[in-house]
Amino acid sequence: MNKSKNLDAAHSLTPAENFKKLAEKRVNRAILCMKLIGNLSNKRVYDWNHEQAEKIFETLQQVLDDNRSKFKIAASKTNEGEFKL
């Protein structure tokens, strides 16, 4: 029953409100996870090398770049087929 109540609440939000709600939740969760990754830098607790650290950051950067591209593509599609002088 609780699940259907949540679904009803989600349907009552506008797309902009739903975007803001989900974006805040997901970005805050991603920030927390990235901080946890930063904790791995503690050499007193973990043994890692430069190549491993670089692989982490290259992977994270690729995911960020891919997501940025998705937003750019989505934005450009909204203007698709519309030509004005």
N, C-alpha and C. Protein backbone atom coordinates (compact mmCIF):
# COMPACT_ATOMS: atom_id res chain seq x y z
N MET A 1 0.82 -1.19 0.00
CA MET A 1 0.00 0.00 0.00
C MET A 1 0.86 1.25 0.00
N ASN A 2 1.95 1.21 0.73
CA ASN A 2 2.86 2.35 0.78
C ASN A 2 3.44 2.65 -0.58
N LYS A 3 3.68 1.58 -1.37
CA LYS A 3 4.24 1.76 -2.70
C LYS A 3 3.27 2.53 -3.61
N SER A 4 2.00 2.20 -3.54
CA SER A 4 1.03 2.90 -4.39
C SER A 4 0.87 4.35 -3.96
N LYS A 5 1.03 4.62 -2.67
CA LYS A 5 0.97 6.00 -2.18
C LYS A 5 2.12 6.82 -2.76
N ASN A 6 3.31 6.23 -2.80
CA ASN A 6 4.48 6.90 -3.38
C ASN A 6 4.29 7.13 -4.87
N LEU A 7 3.69 6.17 -5.56
CA LEU A 7 3.44 6.33 -6.99
C LEU A 7 2.47 7.46 -7.25
N ASP A 8 1.43 7.56 -6.42
CA ASP A 8 0.47 8.64 -6.57
C ASP A 8 1.14 9.99 -6.35
N ALA A 9 2.02 10.08 -5.36
CA ALA A 9 2.73 11.33 -5.08
C ALA A 9 3.64 11.70 -6.25
N ALA A 10 4.30 10.71 -6.84
CA ALA A 10 5.19 10.97 -7.98
C ALA A 10 4.40 11.45 -9.18
N HIS A 11 3.21 10.92 -9.38
CA HIS A 11 2.38 11.34 -10.51
C HIS A 11 1.81 12.74 -10.33
N SER A 12 1.75 13.22 -9.10
CA SER A 12 1.19 14.55 -8.87
C SER A 12 2.24 15.64 -9.08
N LEU A 13 3.50 15.26 -9.24
CA LEU A 13 4.56 16.24 -9.48
C LEU A 13 4.62 16.60 -10.96
N THR A 14 4.98 17.84 -11.24
CA THR A 14 5.21 18.21 -12.63
C THR A 14 6.54 17.60 -13.06
N PRO A 15 6.79 17.49 -14.37
CA PRO A 15 8.09 16.97 -14.81
C PRO A 15 9.26 17.76 -14.24
N ALA A 16 9.13 19.08 -14.13
CA ALA A 16 10.21 19.91 -13.58
C ALA A 16 10.42 19.61 -12.10
N GLU A 17 9.33 19.45 -11.36
CA GLU A 17 9.44 19.13 -9.93
C GLU A 17 10.04 17.75 -9.73
N ASN A 18 9.62 16.80 -10.55
CA ASN A 18 10.15 15.44 -10.45
C ASN A 18 11.64 15.42 -10.79
N PHE A 19 12.03 16.16 -11.83
CA PHE A 19 13.44 16.25 -12.19
C PHE A 19 14.26 16.80 -11.02
N LYS A 20 13.80 17.89 -10.43
CA LYS A 20 14.53 18.51 -9.32
C LYS A 20 14.63 17.55 -8.14
N LYS A 21 13.54 16.91 -7.81
CA LYS A 21 13.52 15.97 -6.68
C LYS A 21 14.53 14.84 -6.89
N LEU A 22 14.46 14.22 -8.08
CA LEU A 22 15.35 13.09 -8.36
C LEU A 22 16.80 13.53 -8.53
N ALA A 23 17.01 14.69 -9.18
CA ALA A 23 18.38 15.17 -9.39
C ALA A 23 19.05 15.45 -8.05
N GLU A 24 18.35 16.11 -7.14
CA GLU A 24 18.94 16.41 -5.84
C GLU A 24 19.29 15.13 -5.09
N LYS A 25 18.38 14.17 -5.11
CA LYS A 25 18.63 12.90 -4.41
C LYS A 25 19.81 12.16 -5.04
N ARG A 26 19.83 12.06 -6.36
CA ARG A 26 20.88 11.29 -7.03
C ARG A 26 22.25 11.98 -6.98
N VAL A 27 22.27 13.30 -7.12
CA VAL A 27 23.55 14.02 -7.07
C VAL A 27 24.12 13.95 -5.66
N ASN A 28 23.28 14.12 -4.65
CA ASN A 28 23.78 14.02 -3.28
C ASN A 28 24.32 12.64 -2.97
N ARG A 29 23.65 11.61 -3.50
CA ARG A 29 24.14 10.23 -3.32
C ARG A 29 25.47 10.04 -4.04
N ALA A 30 25.60 10.61 -5.24
CA ALA A 30 26.86 10.50 -6.00
C ALA A 30 27.99 11.22 -5.28
N ILE A 31 27.70 12.39 -4.70
CA ILE A 31 28.72 13.14 -3.95
C ILE A 31 29.21 12.31 -2.77
N LEU A 32 28.28 11.70 -2.05
CA LEU A 32 28.67 10.85 -0.92
C LEU A 32 29.57 9.72 -1.38
N CYS A 33 29.21 9.06 -2.47
CA CYS A 33 30.02 7.95 -3.00
C CYS A 33 31.40 8.44 -3.42
N MET A 34 31.47 9.62 -4.02
CA MET A 34 32.76 10.15 -4.44
C MET A 34 33.63 10.48 -3.21
N LYS A 35 33.03 10.97 -2.14
CA LYS A 35 33.78 11.21 -0.91
C LYS A 35 34.31 9.91 -0.34
N LEU A 36 33.51 8.85 -0.44
CA LEU A 36 33.98 7.55 0.03
C LEU A 36 35.15 7.05 -0.81
N ILE A 37 35.12 7.32 -2.11
CA ILE A 37 36.26 6.97 -2.96
C ILE A 37 37.49 7.74 -2.49
N GLY A 38 37.32 9.01 -2.13
CA GLY A 38 38.43 9.81 -1.63
C GLY A 38 39.05 9.22 -0.37
N ASN A 39 38.23 8.56 0.44
CA ASN A 39 38.77 7.93 1.65
C ASN A 39 39.78 6.84 1.33
N LEU A 40 39.69 6.28 0.12
CA LEU A 40 40.64 5.23 -0.28
C LEU A 40 42.05 5.76 -0.43
N SER A 41 42.22 7.07 -0.43
CA SER A 41 43.56 7.65 -0.59
C SER A 41 44.42 7.51 0.65
N ASN A 42 43.85 7.10 1.76
CA ASN A 42 44.58 6.97 3.02
C ASN A 42 45.58 5.81 2.93
N LYS A 43 46.85 6.17 2.78
CA LYS A 43 47.92 5.17 2.61
C LYS A 43 48.18 4.38 3.90
N ARG A 44 47.73 4.88 5.05
CA ARG A 44 47.90 4.12 6.30
C ARG A 44 46.95 2.94 6.36
N VAL A 45 45.88 3.00 5.58
CA VAL A 45 44.87 1.94 5.62
C VAL A 45 44.88 1.11 4.33
N TYR A 46 45.17 1.75 3.20
CA TYR A 46 45.08 1.09 1.90
C TYR A 46 46.40 1.15 1.17
N ASP A 47 46.66 0.12 0.38
CA ASP A 47 47.86 0.06 -0.45
C ASP A 47 47.42 0.18 -1.90
N TRP A 48 47.79 1.26 -2.55
CA TRP A 48 47.41 1.51 -3.93
C TRP A 48 48.57 2.18 -4.65
N ASN A 49 48.53 2.14 -5.98
CA ASN A 49 49.59 2.81 -6.74
C ASN A 49 48.98 3.87 -7.65
N HIS A 50 49.85 4.65 -8.26
CA HIS A 50 49.42 5.77 -9.10
C HIS A 50 48.53 5.30 -10.25
N GLU A 51 48.87 4.19 -10.88
CA GLU A 51 48.09 3.68 -12.01
C GLU A 51 46.66 3.33 -11.58
N GLN A 52 46.52 2.74 -10.40
CA GLN A 52 45.18 2.41 -9.91
C GLN A 52 44.37 3.68 -9.66
N ALA A 53 44.99 4.68 -9.06
CA ALA A 53 44.30 5.94 -8.79
C ALA A 53 43.89 6.61 -10.10
N GLU A 54 44.79 6.62 -11.07
CA GLU A 54 44.47 7.23 -12.37
C GLU A 54 43.32 6.51 -13.05
N LYS A 55 43.28 5.17 -12.95
CA LYS A 55 42.20 4.41 -13.56
C LYS A 55 40.85 4.79 -12.94
N ILE A 56 40.83 4.99 -11.64
CA ILE A 56 39.60 5.42 -10.96
C ILE A 56 39.13 6.74 -11.53
N PHE A 57 40.04 7.73 -11.60
CA PHE A 57 39.64 9.06 -12.04
C PHE A 57 39.33 9.13 -13.53
N GLU A 58 40.02 8.35 -14.33
CA GLU A 58 39.70 8.29 -15.76
C GLU A 58 38.30 7.71 -15.97
N THR A 59 37.97 6.68 -15.21
CA THR A 59 36.65 6.05 -15.32
C THR A 59 35.56 7.01 -14.87
N LEU A 60 35.76 7.66 -13.74
CA LEU A 60 34.77 8.63 -13.25
C LEU A 60 34.59 9.77 -14.24
N GLN A 61 35.70 10.26 -14.80
CA GLN A 61 35.62 11.36 -15.76
C GLN A 61 34.87 10.93 -17.02
N GLN A 62 35.08 9.69 -17.47
CA GLN A 62 34.39 9.20 -18.65
C GLN A 62 32.88 9.14 -18.42
N VAL A 63 32.48 8.68 -17.23
CA VAL A 63 31.06 8.62 -16.91
C VAL A 63 30.47 10.03 -16.87
N LEU A 64 31.19 10.98 -16.26
CA LEU A 64 30.72 12.37 -16.23
C LEU A 64 30.59 12.93 -17.64
N ASP A 65 31.60 12.70 -18.47
CA ASP A 65 31.57 13.19 -19.86
C ASP A 65 30.40 12.58 -20.64
N ASP A 66 30.17 11.28 -20.45
CA ASP A 66 29.06 10.61 -21.13
C ASP A 66 27.72 11.22 -20.72
N ASN A 67 27.57 11.47 -19.42
CA ASN A 67 26.31 12.05 -18.94
C ASN A 67 26.13 13.49 -19.42
N ARG A 68 27.21 14.25 -19.47
CA ARG A 68 27.12 15.62 -19.99
C ARG A 68 26.67 15.58 -21.45
N SER A 69 27.20 14.63 -22.22
CA SER A 69 26.81 14.49 -23.63
C SER A 69 25.33 14.16 -23.76
N LYS A 70 24.82 13.32 -22.88
CA LYS A 70 23.40 12.97 -22.93
C LYS A 70 22.53 14.22 -22.76
N PHE A 71 22.92 15.11 -21.85
CA PHE A 71 22.15 16.34 -21.65
C PHE A 71 22.27 17.26 -22.86
N LYS A 72 23.47 17.33 -23.46
CA LYS A 72 23.64 18.17 -24.65
C LYS A 72 22.82 17.64 -25.81
N ILE A 73 22.83 16.34 -26.00
CA ILE A 73 22.06 15.72 -27.09
C ILE A 73 20.57 15.94 -26.88
N ALA A 74 20.11 15.75 -25.64
CA ALA A 74 18.69 15.96 -25.35
C ALA A 74 18.29 17.41 -25.59
N ALA A 75 19.16 18.34 -25.23
CA ALA A 75 18.86 19.76 -25.44
C ALA A 75 18.82 20.09 -26.92
N SER A 76 19.73 19.51 -27.70
CA SER A 76 19.75 19.81 -29.13
C SER A 76 18.55 19.19 -29.85
N LYS A 77 18.04 18.07 -29.35
CA LYS A 77 16.89 17.41 -29.96
C LYS A 77 15.62 18.23 -29.79
N THR A 78 15.57 19.05 -28.75
CA THR A 78 14.36 19.87 -28.54
C THR A 78 14.25 20.93 -29.62
N ASN A 79 15.35 21.31 -30.24
CA ASN A 79 15.35 22.31 -31.31
C ASN A 79 15.36 21.68 -32.69
N GLU A 80 15.35 20.35 -32.74
CA GLU A 80 15.43 19.63 -34.00
C GLU A 80 14.23 19.93 -34.89
N GLY A 81 14.49 20.17 -36.16
CA GLY A 81 13.42 20.39 -37.10
C GLY A 81 12.85 21.80 -37.07
N GLU A 82 13.39 22.62 -36.26
CA GLU A 82 12.88 23.98 -36.13
C GLU A 82 13.93 24.94 -36.68
N PHE A 83 13.60 25.54 -37.80
CA PHE A 83 14.56 26.48 -38.42
C PHE A 83 13.91 27.85 -38.48
N LYS A 84 14.69 28.84 -38.04
CA LYS A 84 14.21 30.23 -38.09
C LYS A 84 15.35 31.11 -38.53
N LEU A 85 15.02 32.15 -39.25
CA LEU A 85 16.01 33.15 -39.66
C LEU A 85 15.91 34.36 -38.77
